[in-house]
Amino acid sequence: MQDVTLISEHDGFRFGARHLSARGSRKGGVVVLQEVFGVSAHIESVMVRLSNEGYETIAPSLFDRIVPNFTRPDDADGLAAGIAAARSTPNAQAVADIAAALHYLAPGPKFAAGFCFGGVMAWLAAQYCEGLSGSICFYGRRIIDELDAPLNAPVMMHYGDRDANIPLSDVAAIKARYPAADIHIYPAGHAFCREDGENYDLPSRDLAFARSLRFMQEFGDPVGQS
């Protein structure tokens, strides 16, 4: 895994990202989008998992304008700092940063996959980024506030039925507005994929990843196309 530098078309800002090449035969690329805690060990573990499945991965540090290499622990103070950083990150800026990460990936099918805050960013990528084969949104709370624009790429979504932050009525509203969205509900709480989190649920995590891999296989263009 290596550190790389990206340049945003939003404002010309140079920001960091973590990059990992695919292992074995390359199937495509994935922009892995952070929780509010930054490009954390959890995000890096997702990158490794996807790399082992044949996907090049890149995780842009979306809060670098606030603090370079922003990472915070999964505790009350870290959550407060991350929420403040997320609220200071305009959607248009984040979308441009994601586009820079997509552009960095080698030609082939390109996906976005995000968690919590990153789940919302993956949703915005499906609405506004070009050249995206599909987006995977893990428990993005603010997606309910982003229902005005059409989706320009297929979307898979993962939610826990015990998520205190996302009522199932929100999930139903999203499905009603975007019936083509592939939505899955798990017997789990918020952030059920984060291994060190209090809501970590291994069976739900593994099922969500298996479904996500099938989604990327289904919607991936032939490798070699940009």
C-alpha atoms as a PDB file:
ATOM      1  CA  MET A   1       0.000   0.000   0.000  1.00  0.00           C
ATOM      2  CA  GLN A   2       1.335   3.427  -0.917  1.00  0.00           C
ATOM      3  CA  ASP A   3       0.551   7.103  -0.403  1.00  0.00           C
ATOM      4  CA  VAL A   4      -0.316   9.041  -3.544  1.00  0.00           C
ATOM      5  CA  THR A   5      -1.315  12.635  -4.244  1.00  0.00           C
ATOM      6  CA  LEU A   6      -4.443  13.675  -6.130  1.00  0.00           C
ATOM      7  CA  ILE A   7      -5.507  17.071  -7.473  1.00  0.00           C
ATOM      8  CA  SER A   8      -9.133  18.147  -7.202  1.00  0.00           C
ATOM      9  CA  GLU A   9     -10.779  19.934 -10.116  1.00  0.00           C
ATOM     10  CA  HIS A  10     -12.981  21.677  -7.564  1.00  0.00           C
ATOM     11  CA  ASP A  11     -10.246  24.040  -6.397  1.00  0.00           C
ATOM     12  CA  GLY A  12      -6.895  22.635  -7.525  1.00  0.00           C
ATOM     13  CA  PHE A  13      -6.234  21.358  -3.997  1.00  0.00           C
ATOM     14  CA  ARG A  14      -3.619  18.618  -3.653  1.00  0.00           C
ATOM     15  CA  PHE A  15      -4.729  15.928  -1.245  1.00  0.00           C
ATOM     16  CA  GLY A  16      -3.594  12.511  -0.200  1.00  0.00           C
ATOM     17  CA  ALA A  17      -4.910   9.017  -0.825  1.00  0.00           C
ATOM     18  CA  ARG A  18      -3.942   5.458  -0.042  1.00  0.00           C
ATOM     19  CA  HIS A  19      -3.513   3.186  -3.058  1.00  0.00           C
ATOM     20  CA  LEU A  20      -3.235  -0.577  -3.376  1.00  0.00           C
ATOM     21  CA  SER A  21      -2.792  -2.564  -6.577  1.00  0.00           C
ATOM     22  CA  ALA A  22      -4.904  -5.592  -7.370  1.00  0.00           C
ATOM     23  CA  ARG A  23      -3.547  -9.023  -6.599  1.00  0.00           C
ATOM     24  CA  GLY A  24      -3.675 -11.559  -9.380  1.00  0.00           C
ATOM     25  CA  SER A  25      -5.767 -10.905 -12.457  1.00  0.00           C
ATOM     26  CA  ARG A  26      -7.138  -7.351 -12.287  1.00  0.00           C
ATOM     27  CA  LYS A  27     -10.945  -7.088 -12.488  1.00  0.00           C
ATOM     28  CA  GLY A  28     -11.277  -3.328 -12.108  1.00  0.00           C
ATOM     29  CA  GLY A  29     -10.854  -0.522  -9.614  1.00  0.00           C
ATOM     30  CA  VAL A  30     -12.692   0.703  -6.513  1.00  0.00           C
ATOM     31  CA  VAL A  31     -12.653   4.077  -4.787  1.00  0.00           C
ATOM     32  CA  VAL A  32     -13.097   3.194  -1.103  1.00  0.00           C
ATOM     33  CA  LEU A  33     -14.743   6.065   0.749  1.00  0.00           C
ATOM     34  CA  GLN A  34     -14.069   6.739   4.392  1.00  0.00           C
ATOM     35  CA  GLU A  35     -16.213   6.975   7.474  1.00  0.00           C
ATOM     36  CA  VAL A  36     -15.965  10.215   9.461  1.00  0.00           C
ATOM     37  CA  PHE A  37     -12.891   8.750  11.187  1.00  0.00           C
ATOM     38  CA  GLY A  38     -10.810   9.210   8.040  1.00  0.00           C
ATOM     39  CA  VAL A  39      -8.762   6.710   6.050  1.00  0.00           C
ATOM     40  CA  SER A  40      -8.579   4.413   9.036  1.00  0.00           C
ATOM     41  CA  ALA A  41      -7.370   0.872   9.631  1.00  0.00           C
ATOM     42  CA  HIS A  42     -10.913  -0.261   8.814  1.00  0.00           C
ATOM     43  CA  ILE A  43     -10.808   1.424   5.404  1.00  0.00           C
ATOM     44  CA  GLU A  44      -7.369  -0.041   4.722  1.00  0.00           C
ATOM     45  CA  SER A  45      -8.674  -3.507   5.648  1.00  0.00           C
ATOM     46  CA  VAL A  46     -11.462  -3.077   3.069  1.00  0.00           C
ATOM     47  CA  MET A  47      -8.831  -2.131   0.498  1.00  0.00           C
ATOM     48  CA  VAL A  48      -6.847  -5.275   1.255  1.00  0.00           C
ATOM     49  CA  ARG A  49      -9.958  -7.435   1.029  1.00  0.00           C
ATOM     50  CA  LEU A  50     -10.874  -5.977  -2.366  1.00  0.00           C
ATOM     51  CA  SER A  51      -7.277  -6.178  -3.603  1.00  0.00           C
ATOM     52  CA  ASN A  52      -7.253  -9.882  -2.784  1.00  0.00           C
ATOM     53  CA  GLU A  53     -10.369 -10.219  -4.970  1.00  0.00           C
ATOM     54  CA  GLY A  54      -8.608  -8.630  -7.941  1.00  0.00           C
ATOM     55  CA  TYR A  55      -9.541  -4.962  -7.552  1.00  0.00           C
ATOM     56  CA  GLU A  56      -7.188  -1.995  -7.573  1.00  0.00           C
ATOM     57  CA  THR A  57      -8.250   0.292  -4.716  1.00  0.00           C
ATOM     58  CA  ILE A  58      -7.760   3.922  -3.756  1.00  0.00           C
ATOM     59  CA  ALA A  59      -9.025   5.707  -0.646  1.00  0.00           C
ATOM     60  CA  PRO A  60      -8.982   9.515  -0.934  1.00  0.00           C
ATOM     61  CA  SER A  61      -8.510  11.502   2.269  1.00  0.00           C
ATOM     62  CA  LEU A  62     -11.588  13.706   1.952  1.00  0.00           C
ATOM     63  CA  PHE A  63     -10.827  15.814   5.034  1.00  0.00           C
ATOM     64  CA  ASP A  64      -7.291  16.857   4.061  1.00  0.00           C
ATOM     65  CA  ARG A  65      -8.313  20.507   3.703  1.00  0.00           C
ATOM     66  CA  ILE A  66      -9.172  20.465   7.397  1.00  0.00           C
ATOM     67  CA  VAL A  67      -6.245  18.409   8.693  1.00  0.00           C
ATOM     68  CA  PRO A  68      -3.758  16.611   6.407  1.00  0.00           C
ATOM     69  CA  ASN A  69      -3.975  12.826   6.809  1.00  0.00           C
ATOM     70  CA  PHE A  70      -7.066  13.219   8.992  1.00  0.00           C
ATOM     71  CA  THR A  71      -7.711  10.134  11.128  1.00  0.00           C
ATOM     72  CA  ARG A  72      -9.492   9.918  14.453  1.00  0.00           C
ATOM     73  CA  PRO A  73     -10.163   7.053  16.870  1.00  0.00           C
ATOM     74  CA  ASP A  74     -13.567   5.415  17.111  1.00  0.00           C
ATOM     75  CA  ASP A  75     -14.559   7.148  20.349  1.00  0.00           C
ATOM     76  CA  ALA A  76     -16.746  10.086  21.387  1.00  0.00           C
ATOM     77  CA  ASP A  77     -14.082  12.702  20.702  1.00  0.00           C
ATOM     78  CA  GLY A  78     -13.149  11.133  17.376  1.00  0.00           C
ATOM     79  CA  LEU A  79     -16.784  10.972  16.340  1.00  0.00           C
ATOM     80  CA  ALA A  80     -17.334  14.628  17.229  1.00  0.00           C
ATOM     81  CA  ALA A  81     -14.243  15.693  15.268  1.00  0.00           C
ATOM     82  CA  GLY A  82     -15.279  13.570  12.299  1.00  0.00           C
ATOM     83  CA  ILE A  83     -18.827  14.903  12.240  1.00  0.00           C
ATOM     84  CA  ALA A  84     -17.494  18.459  12.327  1.00  0.00           C
ATOM     85  CA  ALA A  85     -15.170  17.666   9.424  1.00  0.00           C
ATOM     86  CA  ALA A  86     -18.005  16.095   7.438  1.00  0.00           C
ATOM     87  CA  ARG A  87     -20.193  19.164   7.979  1.00  0.00           C
ATOM     88  CA  SER A  88     -17.339  21.344   6.705  1.00  0.00           C
ATOM     89  CA  THR A  89     -16.997  19.300   3.492  1.00  0.00           C
ATOM     90  CA  PRO A  90     -19.320  20.549   0.705  1.00  0.00           C
ATOM     91  CA  ASN A  91     -20.834  17.902  -1.526  1.00  0.00           C
ATOM     92  CA  ALA A  92     -19.469  19.480  -4.713  1.00  0.00           C
ATOM     93  CA  GLN A  93     -15.961  19.450  -3.273  1.00  0.00           C
ATOM     94  CA  ALA A  94     -16.214  15.812  -2.204  1.00  0.00           C
ATOM     95  CA  VAL A  95     -17.599  14.754  -5.593  1.00  0.00           C
ATOM     96  CA  ALA A  96     -14.677  16.437  -7.360  1.00  0.00           C
ATOM     97  CA  ASP A  97     -12.223  14.701  -5.017  1.00  0.00           C
ATOM     98  CA  ILE A  98     -13.888  11.346  -5.752  1.00  0.00           C
ATOM     99  CA  ALA A  99     -13.667  12.082  -9.472  1.00  0.00           C
ATOM    100  CA  ALA A 100      -9.916  12.649  -9.089  1.00  0.00           C
ATOM    101  CA  ALA A 101      -9.612   9.270  -7.382  1.00  0.00           C
ATOM    102  CA  LEU A 102     -11.617   7.599 -10.154  1.00  0.00           C
ATOM    103  CA  HIS A 103      -9.348   9.216 -12.738  1.00  0.00           C
ATOM    104  CA  TYR A 104      -6.266   7.838 -10.945  1.00  0.00           C
ATOM    105  CA  LEU A 105      -7.474   4.251 -11.333  1.00  0.00           C
ATOM    106  CA  ALA A 106      -6.267   2.322 -14.350  1.00  0.00           C
ATOM    107  CA  PRO A 107      -8.693   1.772 -17.256  1.00  0.00           C
ATOM    108  CA  GLY A 108     -11.395  -0.793 -16.698  1.00  0.00           C
ATOM    109  CA  PRO A 109     -14.609  -0.964 -14.651  1.00  0.00           C
ATOM    110  CA  LYS A 110     -14.624   1.570 -11.832  1.00  0.00           C
ATOM    111  CA  PHE A 111     -16.743   1.464  -8.692  1.00  0.00           C
ATOM    112  CA  ALA A 112     -17.231   3.481  -5.519  1.00  0.00           C
ATOM    113  CA  ALA A 113     -17.811   1.793  -2.160  1.00  0.00           C
ATOM    114  CA  GLY A 114     -18.325   3.819   0.987  1.00  0.00           C
ATOM    115  CA  PHE A 115     -19.178   3.416   4.651  1.00  0.00           C
ATOM    116  CA  CYS A 116     -21.391   5.747   6.734  1.00  0.00           C
ATOM    117  CA  PHE A 117     -20.227   9.222   5.578  1.00  0.00           C
ATOM    118  CA  GLY A 118     -18.538   7.405   2.703  1.00  0.00           C
ATOM    119  CA  GLY A 119     -21.807   5.646   1.920  1.00  0.00           C
ATOM    120  CA  VAL A 120     -23.362   9.040   1.269  1.00  0.00           C
ATOM    121  CA  MET A 121     -20.351   9.982  -0.856  1.00  0.00           C
ATOM    122  CA  ALA A 122     -20.736   6.780  -2.893  1.00  0.00           C
ATOM    123  CA  TRP A 123     -24.379   7.733  -3.476  1.00  0.00           C
ATOM    124  CA  LEU A 124     -23.367  11.217  -4.656  1.00  0.00           C
ATOM    125  CA  ALA A 125     -20.785   9.611  -6.941  1.00  0.00           C
ATOM    126  CA  ALA A 126     -23.561   7.571  -8.559  1.00  0.00           C
ATOM    127  CA  GLN A 127     -25.496  10.777  -9.120  1.00  0.00           C
ATOM    128  CA  TYR A 128     -22.721  13.083 -10.313  1.00  0.00           C
ATOM    129  CA  CYS A 129     -19.493  11.267 -11.296  1.00  0.00           C
ATOM    130  CA  GLU A 130     -18.809  10.168 -14.860  1.00  0.00           C
ATOM    131  CA  GLY A 131     -17.306   6.829 -15.853  1.00  0.00           C
ATOM    132  CA  LEU A 132     -18.663   4.961 -12.840  1.00  0.00           C
ATOM    133  CA  SER A 133     -19.748   1.344 -13.321  1.00  0.00           C
ATOM    134  CA  GLY A 134     -21.629   1.267 -10.010  1.00  0.00           C
ATOM    135  CA  SER A 135     -21.713   2.385  -6.376  1.00  0.00           C
ATOM    136  CA  ILE A 136     -22.035   0.424  -3.141  1.00  0.00           C
ATOM    137  CA  CYS A 137     -23.402   2.325  -0.149  1.00  0.00           C
ATOM    138  CA  PHE A 138     -22.988   0.919   3.350  1.00  0.00           C
ATOM    139  CA  TYR A 139     -25.353   2.535   5.885  1.00  0.00           C
ATOM    140  CA  GLY A 140     -25.184   6.126   4.598  1.00  0.00           C
ATOM    141  CA  ARG A 141     -27.392   8.143   6.936  1.00  0.00           C
ATOM    142  CA  ARG A 142     -27.647  11.370   4.912  1.00  0.00           C
ATOM    143  CA  ILE A 143     -28.696   9.673   1.681  1.00  0.00           C
ATOM    144  CA  ILE A 144     -32.285  10.530   2.640  1.00  0.00           C
ATOM    145  CA  ASP A 145     -31.346  14.196   2.100  1.00  0.00           C
ATOM    146  CA  GLU A 146     -29.982  13.562  -1.416  1.00  0.00           C
ATOM    147  CA  LEU A 147     -33.011  12.294  -3.343  1.00  0.00           C
ATOM    148  CA  ASP A 148     -33.420  15.067  -5.915  1.00  0.00           C
ATOM    149  CA  ALA A 149     -30.968  13.940  -8.616  1.00  0.00           C
ATOM    150  CA  PRO A 150     -31.242  10.809 -10.768  1.00  0.00           C
ATOM    151  CA  LEU A 151     -28.804   7.937 -10.473  1.00  0.00           C
ATOM    152  CA  ASN A 152     -26.377   7.651 -13.381  1.00  0.00           C
ATOM    153  CA  ALA A 153     -24.950   4.287 -12.274  1.00  0.00           C
ATOM    154  CA  PRO A 154     -26.335   1.136 -10.643  1.00  0.00           C
ATOM    155  CA  VAL A 155     -26.406   1.202  -6.844  1.00  0.00           C
ATOM    156  CA  MET A 156     -26.336  -1.494  -4.152  1.00  0.00           C
ATOM    157  CA  MET A 157     -27.152  -0.471  -0.569  1.00  0.00           C
ATOM    158  CA  HIS A 158     -26.613  -2.208   2.771  1.00  0.00           C
ATOM    159  CA  TYR A 159     -28.474  -1.319   5.991  1.00  0.00           C
ATOM    160  CA  GLY A 160     -28.899  -2.807   9.450  1.00  0.00           C
ATOM    161  CA  ASP A 161     -32.385  -3.207  10.854  1.00  0.00           C
ATOM    162  CA  ARG A 162     -31.101  -2.209  14.321  1.00  0.00           C
ATOM    163  CA  ASP A 163     -29.410   0.985  13.150  1.00  0.00           C
ATOM    164  CA  ALA A 164     -30.438   3.722  15.579  1.00  0.00           C
ATOM    165  CA  ASN A 165     -29.172   6.348  13.127  1.00  0.00           C
ATOM    166  CA  ILE A 166     -31.156   5.238  10.060  1.00  0.00           C
ATOM    167  CA  PRO A 167     -34.839   4.360  10.479  1.00  0.00           C
ATOM    168  CA  LEU A 168     -36.200   1.760   8.101  1.00  0.00           C
ATOM    169  CA  SER A 169     -38.737   4.373   7.010  1.00  0.00           C
ATOM    170  CA  ASP A 170     -35.806   6.247   5.414  1.00  0.00           C
ATOM    171  CA  VAL A 171     -34.768   3.090   3.597  1.00  0.00           C
ATOM    172  CA  ALA A 172     -38.319   2.615   2.356  1.00  0.00           C
ATOM    173  CA  ALA A 173     -38.425   6.208   1.114  1.00  0.00           C
ATOM    174  CA  ILE A 174     -35.192   5.711  -0.820  1.00  0.00           C
ATOM    175  CA  LYS A 175     -36.548   2.516  -2.392  1.00  0.00           C
ATOM    176  CA  ALA A 176     -39.771   4.269  -3.365  1.00  0.00           C
ATOM    177  CA  ARG A 177     -37.866   7.103  -5.034  1.00  0.00           C
ATOM    178  CA  TYR A 178     -35.282   4.812  -6.705  1.00  0.00           C
ATOM    179  CA  PRO A 179     -36.922   1.410  -7.273  1.00  0.00           C
ATOM    180  CA  ALA A 180     -33.926   0.143  -9.268  1.00  0.00           C
ATOM    181  CA  ALA A 181     -31.618   0.482  -6.239  1.00  0.00           C
ATOM    182  CA  ASP A 182     -30.604  -2.957  -4.945  1.00  0.00           C
ATOM    183  CA  ILE A 183     -31.226  -2.626  -1.195  1.00  0.00           C
ATOM    184  CA  HIS A 184     -30.395  -5.251   1.439  1.00  0.00           C
ATOM    185  CA  ILE A 185     -31.322  -5.269   5.139  1.00  0.00           C
ATOM    186  CA  TYR A 186     -29.284  -7.168   7.767  1.00  0.00           C
ATOM    187  CA  PRO A 187     -29.959  -8.167  11.393  1.00  0.00           C
ATOM    188  CA  ALA A 188     -27.364  -5.685  12.601  1.00  0.00           C
ATOM    189  CA  GLY A 189     -26.718  -2.175  13.878  1.00  0.00           C
ATOM    190  CA  HIS A 190     -24.882   0.784  12.401  1.00  0.00           C
ATOM    191  CA  ALA A 191     -21.330   0.244  11.078  1.00  0.00           C
ATOM    192  CA  PHE A 192     -21.705  -3.532  11.234  1.00  0.00           C
ATOM    193  CA  CYS A 193     -18.691  -3.965   8.908  1.00  0.00           C
ATOM    194  CA  ARG A 194     -16.134  -2.260  11.183  1.00  0.00           C
ATOM    195  CA  GLU A 195     -14.235  -5.006  12.959  1.00  0.00           C
ATOM    196  CA  ASP A 196     -13.311  -2.961  16.018  1.00  0.00           C
ATOM    197  CA  GLY A 197     -16.754  -1.381  16.396  1.00  0.00           C
ATOM    198  CA  GLU A 198     -19.383  -2.240  18.976  1.00  0.00           C
ATOM    199  CA  ASN A 199     -21.881  -3.218  16.268  1.00  0.00           C
ATOM    200  CA  TYR A 200     -19.560  -5.459  14.268  1.00  0.00           C
ATOM    201  CA  ASP A 201     -21.484  -8.436  12.922  1.00  0.00           C
ATOM    202  CA  LEU A 202     -19.377 -10.971  11.045  1.00  0.00           C
ATOM    203  CA  PRO A 203     -22.159 -12.866   9.225  1.00  0.00           C
ATOM    204  CA  SER A 204     -23.777  -9.620   8.030  1.00  0.00           C
ATOM    205  CA  ARG A 205     -20.401  -8.181   7.005  1.00  0.00           C
ATOM    206  CA  ASP A 206     -19.471 -11.264   5.023  1.00  0.00           C
ATOM    207  CA  LEU A 207     -22.860 -11.476   3.298  1.00  0.00           C
ATOM    208  CA  ALA A 208     -22.740  -7.781   2.390  1.00  0.00           C
ATOM    209  CA  PHE A 209     -19.268  -8.154   0.890  1.00  0.00           C
ATOM    210  CA  ALA A 210     -20.248 -11.279  -1.031  1.00  0.00           C
ATOM    211  CA  ARG A 211     -23.222  -9.451  -2.502  1.00  0.00           C
ATOM    212  CA  SER A 212     -21.029  -6.461  -3.319  1.00  0.00           C
ATOM    213  CA  LEU A 213     -18.537  -8.631  -5.173  1.00  0.00           C
ATOM    214  CA  ARG A 214     -21.339 -10.167  -7.236  1.00  0.00           C
ATOM    215  CA  PHE A 215     -22.647  -6.663  -7.962  1.00  0.00           C
ATOM    216  CA  MET A 216     -19.247  -5.553  -9.253  1.00  0.00           C
ATOM    217  CA  GLN A 217     -18.904  -8.673 -11.338  1.00  0.00           C
ATOM    218  CA  GLU A 218     -22.356  -8.087 -12.845  1.00  0.00           C
ATOM    219  CA  PHE A 219     -21.843  -4.434 -13.715  1.00  0.00           C
ATOM    220  CA  GLY A 220     -18.140  -4.427 -14.557  1.00  0.00           C
ATOM    221  CA  ASP A 221     -17.330  -3.542 -18.162  1.00  0.00           C
ATOM    222  CA  PRO A 222     -14.619  -5.523 -19.949  1.00  0.00           C
ATOM    223  CA  VAL A 223     -11.234  -4.643 -18.474  1.00  0.00           C
ATOM    224  CA  GLY A 224      -9.456  -2.270 -20.805  1.00  0.00           C
ATOM    225  CA  GLN A 225     -12.282   0.227 -21.167  1.00  0.00           C
ATOM    226  CA  SER A 226     -12.062   3.487 -19.261  1.00  0.00           C
END
